[in-house]
């Protein structure tokens, strides 16, 4: 049951081209923004569509898969865990950011012609 304590599974579309950061030690980091869509009806029968945006990161092998095969608009499934980090802006303000740290990725959407 411990494996269910911090587990996130999302299916959505990439909102922008993945940001890839290569470090001097050879490690890679991929940053993506994933949009998940939800459609439901109100008690009055009105159809409502909403979009939620999720920040996600992937390291090393998963980052390389994202770099090679994932493009803006593509549908993917990710599994990982929530991680929270604190950082300071250039202006000295402290911020907190929660992201999904990707452990597994599944490419769902087909690539259009002309994509990498």
C-alpha atoms as a PDB file:
ATOM      1  CA  UNK A   1       0.000   0.000   0.000  1.00  0.00           C
ATOM      2  CA  UNK A   2       2.981   2.344   0.421  1.00  0.00           C
ATOM      3  CA  UNK A   3       3.276   2.689  -3.359  1.00  0.00           C
ATOM      4  CA  UNK A   4      -0.106   4.441  -3.420  1.00  0.00           C
ATOM      5  CA  UNK A   5       0.828   7.170  -0.954  1.00  0.00           C
ATOM      6  CA  UNK A   6       2.193   9.648  -3.498  1.00  0.00           C
ATOM      7  CA  UNK A   7       1.197   8.553  -6.980  1.00  0.00           C
ATOM      8  CA  UNK A   8      -0.124  10.641  -9.857  1.00  0.00           C
ATOM      9  CA  UNK A   9      -1.439   9.430 -13.210  1.00  0.00           C
ATOM     10  CA  UNK A  10      -2.437  11.928 -15.892  1.00  0.00           C
ATOM     11  CA  UNK A  11      -3.436  11.770 -19.542  1.00  0.00           C
ATOM     12  CA  UNK A  12      -3.330  15.017 -21.452  1.00  0.00           C
ATOM     13  CA  UNK A  13      -1.817  17.099 -24.226  1.00  0.00           C
ATOM     14  CA  UNK A  14       1.396  19.088 -24.166  1.00  0.00           C
ATOM     15  CA  UNK A  15       0.738  22.800 -24.132  1.00  0.00           C
ATOM     16  CA  UNK A  16       4.163  23.803 -25.417  1.00  0.00           C
ATOM     17  CA  UNK A  17       7.401  22.376 -26.731  1.00  0.00           C
ATOM     18  CA  UNK A  18       9.272  20.542 -23.933  1.00  0.00           C
ATOM     19  CA  UNK A  19      12.130  22.458 -22.327  1.00  0.00           C
ATOM     20  CA  UNK A  20      15.267  20.298 -22.182  1.00  0.00           C
ATOM     21  CA  UNK A  21      18.179  21.192 -19.907  1.00  0.00           C
ATOM     22  CA  UNK A  22      21.471  19.331 -20.300  1.00  0.00           C
ATOM     23  CA  UNK A  23      23.853  19.515 -17.337  1.00  0.00           C
ATOM     24  CA  UNK A  24      27.651  19.347 -17.478  1.00  0.00           C
ATOM     25  CA  UNK A  25      27.633  15.967 -15.718  1.00  0.00           C
ATOM     26  CA  UNK A  26      25.623  14.481 -18.616  1.00  0.00           C
ATOM     27  CA  UNK A  27      22.247  14.399 -16.857  1.00  0.00           C
ATOM     28  CA  UNK A  28      19.166  15.788 -18.604  1.00  0.00           C
ATOM     29  CA  UNK A  29      16.023  17.396 -17.281  1.00  0.00           C
ATOM     30  CA  UNK A  30      12.815  17.826 -19.271  1.00  0.00           C
ATOM     31  CA  UNK A  31      10.123  20.298 -18.211  1.00  0.00           C
ATOM     32  CA  UNK A  32       6.635  20.021 -19.676  1.00  0.00           C
ATOM     33  CA  UNK A  33       3.184  21.575 -19.217  1.00  0.00           C
ATOM     34  CA  UNK A  34       0.368  19.076 -19.559  1.00  0.00           C
ATOM     35  CA  UNK A  35      -3.259  20.069 -20.142  1.00  0.00           C
ATOM     36  CA  UNK A  36      -5.990  17.752 -18.913  1.00  0.00           C
ATOM     37  CA  UNK A  37      -9.552  18.340 -20.080  1.00  0.00           C
ATOM     38  CA  UNK A  38     -12.686  17.706 -18.075  1.00  0.00           C
ATOM     39  CA  UNK A  39     -16.229  17.767 -19.437  1.00  0.00           C
ATOM     40  CA  UNK A  40     -19.286  17.624 -17.218  1.00  0.00           C
ATOM     41  CA  UNK A  41     -22.907  18.766 -17.085  1.00  0.00           C
ATOM     42  CA  UNK A  42     -24.361  21.132 -14.521  1.00  0.00           C
ATOM     43  CA  UNK A  43     -27.595  20.234 -12.704  1.00  0.00           C
ATOM     44  CA  UNK A  44     -29.314  22.453 -15.291  1.00  0.00           C
ATOM     45  CA  UNK A  45     -27.971  20.235 -18.094  1.00  0.00           C
ATOM     46  CA  UNK A  46     -25.413  22.763 -19.364  1.00  0.00           C
ATOM     47  CA  UNK A  47     -22.222  21.225 -20.762  1.00  0.00           C
ATOM     48  CA  UNK A  48     -19.076  22.674 -19.162  1.00  0.00           C
ATOM     49  CA  UNK A  49     -15.516  22.109 -20.372  1.00  0.00           C
ATOM     50  CA  UNK A  50     -12.524  23.000 -18.234  1.00  0.00           C
ATOM     51  CA  UNK A  51      -8.777  22.656 -18.657  1.00  0.00           C
ATOM     52  CA  UNK A  52      -6.298  22.067 -15.849  1.00  0.00           C
ATOM     53  CA  UNK A  53      -2.585  22.706 -16.374  1.00  0.00           C
ATOM     54  CA  UNK A  54       0.067  20.558 -14.711  1.00  0.00           C
ATOM     55  CA  UNK A  55       3.806  21.185 -14.520  1.00  0.00           C
ATOM     56  CA  UNK A  56       5.883  18.023 -14.815  1.00  0.00           C
ATOM     57  CA  UNK A  57       9.577  17.174 -14.867  1.00  0.00           C
ATOM     58  CA  UNK A  58      11.506  14.130 -16.026  1.00  0.00           C
ATOM     59  CA  UNK A  59      15.141  13.165 -15.521  1.00  0.00           C
ATOM     60  CA  UNK A  60      17.653  11.238 -17.620  1.00  0.00           C
ATOM     61  CA  UNK A  61      16.083   8.369 -19.637  1.00  0.00           C
ATOM     62  CA  UNK A  62      12.559   9.788 -19.389  1.00  0.00           C
ATOM     63  CA  UNK A  63      13.919  13.229 -20.354  1.00  0.00           C
ATOM     64  CA  UNK A  64      15.607  11.722 -23.409  1.00  0.00           C
ATOM     65  CA  UNK A  65      12.340  10.064 -24.495  1.00  0.00           C
ATOM     66  CA  UNK A  66      10.560  13.402 -24.166  1.00  0.00           C
ATOM     67  CA  UNK A  67      13.329  15.193 -26.075  1.00  0.00           C
ATOM     68  CA  UNK A  68      13.253  12.705 -28.970  1.00  0.00           C
ATOM     69  CA  UNK A  69       9.585  11.842 -29.321  1.00  0.00           C
ATOM     70  CA  UNK A  70       7.275  14.372 -27.636  1.00  0.00           C
ATOM     71  CA  UNK A  71       6.063  17.575 -29.293  1.00  0.00           C
ATOM     72  CA  UNK A  72       3.603  20.354 -28.545  1.00  0.00           C
ATOM     73  CA  UNK A  73      -0.023  19.217 -28.728  1.00  0.00           C
ATOM     74  CA  UNK A  74       0.789  15.512 -28.467  1.00  0.00           C
ATOM     75  CA  UNK A  75      -1.285  13.336 -26.145  1.00  0.00           C
ATOM     76  CA  UNK A  76       0.703  11.446 -23.515  1.00  0.00           C
ATOM     77  CA  UNK A  77       0.115   9.536 -20.296  1.00  0.00           C
ATOM     78  CA  UNK A  78       2.432  10.084 -17.359  1.00  0.00           C
ATOM     79  CA  UNK A  79       2.852   8.400 -14.008  1.00  0.00           C
ATOM     80  CA  UNK A  80       4.898   9.808 -11.200  1.00  0.00           C
ATOM     81  CA  UNK A  81       4.771  11.522  -7.843  1.00  0.00           C
ATOM     82  CA  UNK A  82       4.202  15.043  -6.590  1.00  0.00           C
ATOM     83  CA  UNK A  83       7.320  16.937  -5.539  1.00  0.00           C
ATOM     84  CA  UNK A  84       7.379  20.374  -3.984  1.00  0.00           C
ATOM     85  CA  UNK A  85      10.356  22.690  -4.059  1.00  0.00           C
ATOM     86  CA  UNK A  86      11.072  26.146  -2.735  1.00  0.00           C
ATOM     87  CA  UNK A  87      13.046  28.695  -4.710  1.00  0.00           C
ATOM     88  CA  UNK A  88      13.844  32.381  -4.693  1.00  0.00           C
ATOM     89  CA  UNK A  89      13.058  34.775  -7.564  1.00  0.00           C
ATOM     90  CA  UNK A  90      15.528  37.342  -8.897  1.00  0.00           C
ATOM     91  CA  UNK A  91      13.671  39.905  -6.778  1.00  0.00           C
ATOM     92  CA  UNK A  92      14.315  37.860  -3.626  1.00  0.00           C
ATOM     93  CA  UNK A  93      10.760  36.540  -3.210  1.00  0.00           C
ATOM     94  CA  UNK A  94      10.399  32.992  -1.930  1.00  0.00           C
ATOM     95  CA  UNK A  95       8.121  30.779  -4.030  1.00  0.00           C
ATOM     96  CA  UNK A  96       6.845  27.235  -3.726  1.00  0.00           C
ATOM     97  CA  UNK A  97       6.209  25.067  -6.777  1.00  0.00           C
ATOM     98  CA  UNK A  98       4.586  21.639  -6.953  1.00  0.00           C
ATOM     99  CA  UNK A  99       5.313  19.447  -9.977  1.00  0.00           C
ATOM    100  CA  UNK A 100       4.780  15.885 -11.098  1.00  0.00           C
ATOM    101  CA  UNK A 101       8.098  14.035 -11.210  1.00  0.00           C
ATOM    102  CA  UNK A 102       7.628  11.589 -14.072  1.00  0.00           C
ATOM    103  CA  UNK A 103       8.619   7.963 -13.527  1.00  0.00           C
ATOM    104  CA  UNK A 104       6.915   6.544 -16.618  1.00  0.00           C
ATOM    105  CA  UNK A 105       5.646   8.031 -19.864  1.00  0.00           C
ATOM    106  CA  UNK A 106       3.445   6.542 -22.556  1.00  0.00           C
ATOM    107  CA  UNK A 107       3.103   8.188 -25.959  1.00  0.00           C
ATOM    108  CA  UNK A 108      -0.556   8.086 -26.987  1.00  0.00           C
ATOM    109  CA  UNK A 109      -1.130  10.621 -29.734  1.00  0.00           C
ATOM    110  CA  UNK A 110       0.053  10.092 -33.268  1.00  0.00           C
ATOM    111  CA  UNK A 111       2.683  12.421 -34.638  1.00  0.00           C
ATOM    112  CA  UNK A 112       1.761  14.610 -37.548  1.00  0.00           C
ATOM    113  CA  UNK A 113       3.879  14.499 -40.706  1.00  0.00           C
ATOM    114  CA  UNK A 114       6.835  16.825 -40.455  1.00  0.00           C
ATOM    115  CA  UNK A 115       7.242  16.400 -36.691  1.00  0.00           C
ATOM    116  CA  UNK A 116      10.527  15.081 -35.365  1.00  0.00           C
END
